[in-house]
């Protein structure tokens, strides 16, 4: 079984709903978070970046839609 968490926003390139990681990075980049919110989200994203590396696959060129396997 595969599971992907998405937002209500549709990505212009893929025409798929944007994932929660896209939203998180957009929030970090936008500069609208308080210092505390930014720090908390940055810590979480750092953990995900270390713990869930981007899959190596020939079609990954900076944009892709990934589905995680649920055991």
PDB file of N, CA and C in Angstrom:
ATOM      1  N   UNK A   1       0.852  -1.171   0.000  1.00  0.00           N
ATOM      2  CA  UNK A   1       0.000   0.000   0.000  1.00  0.00           C
ATOM      3  C   UNK A   1       0.899   1.235   0.000  1.00  0.00           C
ATOM      4  N   UNK A   2       0.466   2.265  -0.690  1.00  0.00           N
ATOM      5  CA  UNK A   2       1.195   3.521  -0.750  1.00  0.00           C
ATOM      6  C   UNK A   2       0.343   4.633  -0.152  1.00  0.00           C
ATOM      7  N   UNK A   3       1.020   5.591   0.477  1.00  0.00           N
ATOM      8  CA  UNK A   3       0.313   6.711   1.080  1.00  0.00           C
ATOM      9  C   UNK A   3       1.103   7.988   0.798  1.00  0.00           C
ATOM     10  N   UNK A   4       0.412   9.043   0.438  1.00  0.00           N
ATOM     11  CA  UNK A   4       1.035  10.337   0.195  1.00  0.00           C
ATOM     12  C   UNK A   4       0.146  11.396   0.827  1.00  0.00           C
ATOM     13  N   UNK A   5       0.736  12.247   1.657  1.00  0.00           N
ATOM     14  CA  UNK A   5      -0.010  13.324   2.293  1.00  0.00           C
ATOM     15  C   UNK A   5       0.081  14.557   1.411  1.00  0.00           C
ATOM     16  N   UNK A   6      -1.074  15.136   1.096  1.00  0.00           N
ATOM     17  CA  UNK A   6      -1.123  16.260   0.162  1.00  0.00           C
ATOM     18  C   UNK A   6      -1.891  17.439   0.753  1.00  0.00           C
ATOM     19  N   UNK A   7      -1.728  18.579   0.092  1.00  0.00           N
ATOM     20  CA  UNK A   7      -2.466  19.789   0.438  1.00  0.00           C
ATOM     21  C   UNK A   7      -3.558  19.990  -0.606  1.00  0.00           C
ATOM     22  N   UNK A   8      -4.309  21.053  -0.477  1.00  0.00           N
ATOM     23  CA  UNK A   8      -5.363  21.336  -1.455  1.00  0.00           C
ATOM     24  C   UNK A   8      -4.828  22.055  -2.696  1.00  0.00           C
ATOM     25  N   UNK A   9      -3.589  22.548  -2.631  1.00  0.00           N
ATOM     26  CA  UNK A   9      -3.007  23.293  -3.746  1.00  0.00           C
ATOM     27  C   UNK A   9      -2.512  22.341  -4.834  1.00  0.00           C
ATOM     28  N   UNK A  10      -2.825  22.654  -6.086  1.00  0.00           N
ATOM     29  CA  UNK A  10      -2.382  21.850  -7.222  1.00  0.00           C
ATOM     30  C   UNK A  10      -1.105  22.440  -7.797  1.00  0.00           C
ATOM     31  N   UNK A  11      -0.124  21.586  -8.043  1.00  0.00           N
ATOM     32  CA  UNK A  11       1.145  22.005  -8.618  1.00  0.00           C
ATOM     33  C   UNK A  11       0.970  22.301 -10.100  1.00  0.00           C
ATOM     34  N   UNK A  12       1.498  23.424 -10.544  1.00  0.00           N
ATOM     35  CA  UNK A  12       1.327  23.845 -11.942  1.00  0.00           C
ATOM     36  C   UNK A  12       2.040  22.920 -12.922  1.00  0.00           C
ATOM     37  N   UNK A  13       3.196  22.365 -12.525  1.00  0.00           N
ATOM     38  CA  UNK A  13       3.966  21.511 -13.438  1.00  0.00           C
ATOM     39  C   UNK A  13       3.396  20.102 -13.544  1.00  0.00           C
ATOM     40  N   UNK A  14       3.147  19.483 -12.400  1.00  0.00           N
ATOM     41  CA  UNK A  14       2.717  18.082 -12.412  1.00  0.00           C
ATOM     42  C   UNK A  14       1.208  17.913 -12.474  1.00  0.00           C
ATOM     43  N   UNK A  15       0.475  18.977 -12.167  1.00  0.00           N
ATOM     44  CA  UNK A  15      -0.989  18.937 -12.097  1.00  0.00           C
ATOM     45  C   UNK A  15      -1.477  17.970 -11.014  1.00  0.00           C
ATOM     46  N   UNK A  16      -0.588  17.681 -10.061  1.00  0.00           N
ATOM     47  CA  UNK A  16      -0.920  16.853  -8.910  1.00  0.00           C
ATOM     48  C   UNK A  16      -1.040  17.774  -7.693  1.00  0.00           C
ATOM     49  N   UNK A  17      -1.748  17.333  -6.690  1.00  0.00           N
ATOM     50  CA  UNK A  17      -1.813  18.112  -5.458  1.00  0.00           C
ATOM     51  C   UNK A  17      -0.429  18.169  -4.833  1.00  0.00           C
ATOM     52  N   UNK A  18      -0.058  19.340  -4.306  1.00  0.00           N
ATOM     53  CA  UNK A  18       1.252  19.490  -3.702  1.00  0.00           C
ATOM     54  C   UNK A  18       1.321  18.718  -2.391  1.00  0.00           C
ATOM     55  N   UNK A  19       2.474  18.143  -2.140  1.00  0.00           N
ATOM     56  CA  UNK A  19       2.687  17.384  -0.922  1.00  0.00           C
ATOM     57  C   UNK A  19       3.016  18.278   0.262  1.00  0.00           C
ATOM     58  N   UNK A  20       2.996  17.680   1.431  1.00  0.00           N
ATOM     59  CA  UNK A  20       3.240  18.448   2.646  1.00  0.00           C
ATOM     60  C   UNK A  20       4.676  18.962   2.721  1.00  0.00           C
ATOM     61  N   UNK A  21       5.620  18.287   2.083  1.00  0.00           N
ATOM     62  CA  UNK A  21       6.996  18.773   2.104  1.00  0.00           C
ATOM     63  C   UNK A  21       7.140  20.029   1.251  1.00  0.00           C
ATOM     64  N   UNK A  22       6.451  20.081   0.115  1.00  0.00           N
ATOM     65  CA  UNK A  22       6.454  21.302  -0.698  1.00  0.00           C
ATOM     66  C   UNK A  22       5.902  22.470   0.109  1.00  0.00           C
ATOM     67  N   UNK A  23       4.830  22.234   0.835  1.00  0.00           N
ATOM     68  CA  UNK A  23       4.239  23.272   1.674  1.00  0.00           C
ATOM     69  C   UNK A  23       5.215  23.718   2.763  1.00  0.00           C
ATOM     70  N   UNK A  24       5.872  22.763   3.401  1.00  0.00           N
ATOM     71  CA  UNK A  24       6.811  23.095   4.465  1.00  0.00           C
ATOM     72  C   UNK A  24       7.955  23.963   3.939  1.00  0.00           C
ATOM     73  N   UNK A  25       8.523  23.598   2.801  1.00  0.00           N
ATOM     74  CA  UNK A  25       9.616  24.397   2.242  1.00  0.00           C
ATOM     75  C   UNK A  25       9.133  25.782   1.814  1.00  0.00           C
ATOM     76  N   UNK A  26       7.921  25.861   1.293  1.00  0.00           N
ATOM     77  CA  UNK A  26       7.356  27.167   0.911  1.00  0.00           C
ATOM     78  C   UNK A  26       7.183  28.055   2.144  1.00  0.00           C
ATOM     79  N   UNK A  27       6.731  27.471   3.247  1.00  0.00           N
ATOM     80  CA  UNK A  27       6.573  28.235   4.487  1.00  0.00           C
ATOM     81  C   UNK A  27       7.925  28.747   4.996  1.00  0.00           C
ATOM     82  N   UNK A  28       8.942  27.901   4.935  1.00  0.00           N
ATOM     83  CA  UNK A  28      10.278  28.321   5.372  1.00  0.00           C
ATOM     84  C   UNK A  28      10.810  29.464   4.508  1.00  0.00           C
ATOM     85  N   UNK A  29      10.561  29.372   3.220  1.00  0.00           N
ATOM     86  CA  UNK A  29      11.068  30.369   2.275  1.00  0.00           C
ATOM     87  C   UNK A  29      10.307  31.696   2.341  1.00  0.00           C
ATOM     88  N   UNK A  30       9.025  31.642   2.651  1.00  0.00           N
ATOM     89  CA  UNK A  30       8.170  32.834   2.602  1.00  0.00           C
ATOM     90  C   UNK A  30       8.523  33.884   3.645  1.00  0.00           C
ATOM     91  N   UNK A  31       9.065  33.469   4.772  1.00  0.00           N
ATOM     92  CA  UNK A  31       9.425  34.419   5.812  1.00  0.00           C
ATOM     93  C   UNK A  31       8.247  34.911   6.645  1.00  0.00           C
ATOM     94  N   UNK A  32       7.128  34.200   6.601  1.00  0.00           N
ATOM     95  CA  UNK A  32       5.936  34.612   7.351  1.00  0.00           C
ATOM     96  C   UNK A  32       5.815  33.945   8.717  1.00  0.00           C
ATOM     97  N   UNK A  33       6.723  33.039   9.043  1.00  0.00           N
ATOM     98  CA  UNK A  33       6.661  32.330  10.315  1.00  0.00           C
ATOM     99  C   UNK A  33       7.364  33.117  11.413  1.00  0.00           C
ATOM    100  N   UNK A  34       6.918  32.924  12.646  1.00  0.00           N
ATOM    101  CA  UNK A  34       7.630  33.513  13.778  1.00  0.00           C
ATOM    102  C   UNK A  34       8.977  32.794  13.900  1.00  0.00           C
ATOM    103  N   UNK A  35       9.882  33.340  14.688  1.00  0.00           N
ATOM    104  CA  UNK A  35      11.188  32.701  14.883  1.00  0.00           C
ATOM    105  C   UNK A  35      11.024  31.294  15.450  1.00  0.00           C
ATOM    106  N   UNK A  36      10.110  31.160  16.408  1.00  0.00           N
ATOM    107  CA  UNK A  36       9.871  29.856  17.024  1.00  0.00           C
ATOM    108  C   UNK A  36       9.304  28.860  16.009  1.00  0.00           C
ATOM    109  N   UNK A  37       8.321  29.287  15.229  1.00  0.00           N
ATOM    110  CA  UNK A  37       7.732  28.413  14.203  1.00  0.00           C
ATOM    111  C   UNK A  37       8.780  28.005  13.178  1.00  0.00           C
ATOM    112  N   UNK A  38       9.584  28.974  12.747  1.00  0.00           N
ATOM    113  CA  UNK A  38      10.629  28.693  11.756  1.00  0.00           C
ATOM    114  C   UNK A  38      11.612  27.662  12.310  1.00  0.00           C
ATOM    115  N   UNK A  39      12.069  27.867  13.551  1.00  0.00           N
ATOM    116  CA  UNK A  39      13.039  26.959  14.167  1.00  0.00           C
ATOM    117  C   UNK A  39      12.480  25.548  14.298  1.00  0.00           C
ATOM    118  N   UNK A  40      11.239  25.446  14.743  1.00  0.00           N
ATOM    119  CA  UNK A  40      10.595  24.125  14.893  1.00  0.00           C
ATOM    120  C   UNK A  40      10.478  23.411  13.548  1.00  0.00           C
ATOM    121  N   UNK A  41       9.993  24.134  12.543  1.00  0.00           N
ATOM    122  CA  UNK A  41       9.816  23.532  11.222  1.00  0.00           C
ATOM    123  C   UNK A  41      11.160  23.179  10.604  1.00  0.00           C
ATOM    124  N   UNK A  42      12.158  24.026  10.780  1.00  0.00           N
ATOM    125  CA  UNK A  42      13.493  23.759  10.240  1.00  0.00           C
ATOM    126  C   UNK A  42      14.073  22.510  10.873  1.00  0.00           C
ATOM    127  N   UNK A  43      13.898  22.342  12.202  1.00  0.00           N
ATOM    128  CA  UNK A  43      14.369  21.132  12.881  1.00  0.00           C
ATOM    129  C   UNK A  43      13.695  19.875  12.324  1.00  0.00           C
ATOM    130  N   UNK A  44      12.390  19.959  12.114  1.00  0.00           N
ATOM    131  CA  UNK A  44      11.664  18.818  11.544  1.00  0.00           C
ATOM    132  C   UNK A  44      12.147  18.487  10.136  1.00  0.00           C
ATOM    133  N   UNK A  45      12.313  19.512   9.325  1.00  0.00           N
ATOM    134  CA  UNK A  45      12.751  19.275   7.946  1.00  0.00           C
ATOM    135  C   UNK A  45      14.182  18.739   7.903  1.00  0.00           C
ATOM    136  N   UNK A  46      15.035  19.216   8.806  1.00  0.00           N
ATOM    137  CA  UNK A  46      16.400  18.678   8.893  1.00  0.00           C
ATOM    138  C   UNK A  46      16.368  17.187   9.204  1.00  0.00           C
ATOM    139  N   UNK A  47      15.466  16.805  10.137  1.00  0.00           N
ATOM    140  CA  UNK A  47      15.341  15.385  10.480  1.00  0.00           C
ATOM    141  C   UNK A  47      14.898  14.569   9.265  1.00  0.00           C
ATOM    142  N   UNK A  48      13.865  15.056   8.565  1.00  0.00           N
ATOM    143  CA  UNK A  48      13.382  14.336   7.389  1.00  0.00           C
ATOM    144  C   UNK A  48      14.455  14.240   6.319  1.00  0.00           C
ATOM    145  N   UNK A  49      15.217  15.318   6.111  1.00  0.00           N
ATOM    146  CA  UNK A  49      16.265  15.306   5.093  1.00  0.00           C
ATOM    147  C   UNK A  49      17.336  14.269   5.402  1.00  0.00           C
ATOM    148  N   UNK A  50      17.656  14.087   6.681  1.00  0.00           N
ATOM    149  CA  UNK A  50      18.656  13.088   7.078  1.00  0.00           C
ATOM    150  C   UNK A  50      18.074  11.688   7.092  1.00  0.00           C
ATOM    151  N   UNK A  51      16.848  11.555   7.549  1.00  0.00           N
ATOM    152  CA  UNK A  51      16.242  10.241   7.759  1.00  0.00           C
ATOM    153  C   UNK A  51      15.569   9.663   6.525  1.00  0.00           C
ATOM    154  N   UNK A  52      15.105  10.515   5.628  1.00  0.00           N
ATOM    155  CA  UNK A  52      14.409  10.065   4.415  1.00  0.00           C
ATOM    156  C   UNK A  52      15.063  10.695   3.192  1.00  0.00           C
ATOM    157  N   UNK A  53      16.199  10.157   2.777  1.00  0.00           N
ATOM    158  CA  UNK A  53      16.880  10.753   1.624  1.00  0.00           C
ATOM    159  C   UNK A  53      16.034  10.652   0.355  1.00  0.00           C
ATOM    160  N   UNK A  54      16.267  11.572  -0.554  1.00  0.00           N
ATOM    161  CA  UNK A  54      15.564  11.559  -1.837  1.00  0.00           C
ATOM    162  C   UNK A  54      15.940  10.281  -2.577  1.00  0.00           C
ATOM    163  N   UNK A  55      14.963   9.534  -3.053  1.00  0.00           N
ATOM    164  CA  UNK A  55      15.267   8.285  -3.768  1.00  0.00           C
ATOM    165  C   UNK A  55      16.099   8.560  -5.026  1.00  0.00           C
ATOM    166  N   UNK A  56      17.076   7.688  -5.258  1.00  0.00           N
ATOM    167  CA  UNK A  56      17.848   7.798  -6.490  1.00  0.00           C
ATOM    168  C   UNK A  56      17.093   7.045  -7.577  1.00  0.00           C
ATOM    169  N   UNK A  57      16.758   7.763  -8.618  1.00  0.00           N
ATOM    170  CA  UNK A  57      16.015   7.161  -9.725  1.00  0.00           C
ATOM    171  C   UNK A  57      16.301   7.981 -10.971  1.00  0.00           C
ATOM    172  N   UNK A  58      16.405   7.358 -12.114  1.00  0.00           N
ATOM    173  CA  UNK A  58      16.758   8.080 -13.342  1.00  0.00           C
ATOM    174  C   UNK A  58      15.840   9.254 -13.697  1.00  0.00           C
ATOM    175  N   UNK A  59      14.558   9.199 -13.328  1.00  0.00           N
ATOM    176  CA  UNK A  59      13.653  10.279 -13.731  1.00  0.00           C
ATOM    177  C   UNK A  59      13.616  11.433 -12.743  1.00  0.00           C
ATOM    178  N   UNK A  60      14.355  11.340 -11.648  1.00  0.00           N
ATOM    179  CA  UNK A  60      14.361  12.425 -10.663  1.00  0.00           C
ATOM    180  C   UNK A  60      15.312  13.515 -11.137  1.00  0.00           C
ATOM    181  N   UNK A  61      14.774  14.643 -11.524  1.00  0.00           N
ATOM    182  CA  UNK A  61      15.562  15.774 -11.996  1.00  0.00           C
ATOM    183  C   UNK A  61      15.119  17.044 -11.283  1.00  0.00           C
ATOM    184  N   UNK A  62      14.911  16.985  -9.976  1.00  0.00           N
ATOM    185  CA  UNK A  62      14.512  18.158  -9.216  1.00  0.00           C
ATOM    186  C   UNK A  62      13.025  18.298  -9.025  1.00  0.00           C
ATOM    187  N   UNK A  63      12.240  17.533  -9.747  1.00  0.00           N
ATOM    188  CA  UNK A  63      10.790  17.566  -9.517  1.00  0.00           C
ATOM    189  C   UNK A  63      10.217  16.182  -9.775  1.00  0.00           C
ATOM    190  N   UNK A  64       9.499  15.712  -8.811  1.00  0.00           N
ATOM    191  CA  UNK A  64       8.905  14.383  -8.914  1.00  0.00           C
ATOM    192  C   UNK A  64       7.836  14.257  -7.843  1.00  0.00           C
ATOM    193  N   UNK A  65       6.933  13.327  -8.040  1.00  0.00           N
ATOM    194  CA  UNK A  65       5.912  13.026  -7.051  1.00  0.00           C
ATOM    195  C   UNK A  65       6.262  11.658  -6.491  1.00  0.00           C
ATOM    196  N   UNK A  66       6.447  11.586  -5.182  1.00  0.00           N
ATOM    197  CA  UNK A  66       6.823  10.317  -4.555  1.00  0.00           C
ATOM    198  C   UNK A  66       5.718   9.827  -3.656  1.00  0.00           C
ATOM    199  N   UNK A  67       5.585   8.533  -3.646  1.00  0.00           N
ATOM    200  CA  UNK A  67       4.635   7.866  -2.761  1.00  0.00           C
ATOM    201  C   UNK A  67       5.434   6.993  -1.823  1.00  0.00           C
ATOM    202  N   UNK A  68       5.158   7.083  -0.528  1.00  0.00           N
ATOM    203  CA  UNK A  68       5.878   6.270   0.446  1.00  0.00           C
ATOM    204  C   UNK A  68       5.187   4.932   0.658  1.00  0.00           C
ATOM    205  N   UNK A  69       5.961   3.914   0.885  1.00  0.00           N
ATOM    206  CA  UNK A  69       5.413   2.589   1.132  1.00  0.00           C
ATOM    207  C   UNK A  69       5.030   2.499   2.611  1.00  0.00           C
ATOM    208  N   UNK A  70       3.833   2.036   2.871  1.00  0.00           N
ATOM    209  CA  UNK A  70       3.358   1.834   4.236  1.00  0.00           C
ATOM    210  C   UNK A  70       3.407   0.346   4.518  1.00  0.00           C
ATOM    211  N   UNK A  71       4.164  -0.033   5.531  1.00  0.00           N
ATOM    212  CA  UNK A  71       4.304  -1.459   5.851  1.00  0.00           C
ATOM    213  C   UNK A  71       3.187  -1.919   6.764  1.00  0.00           C
TER     214      UNK A  71
END
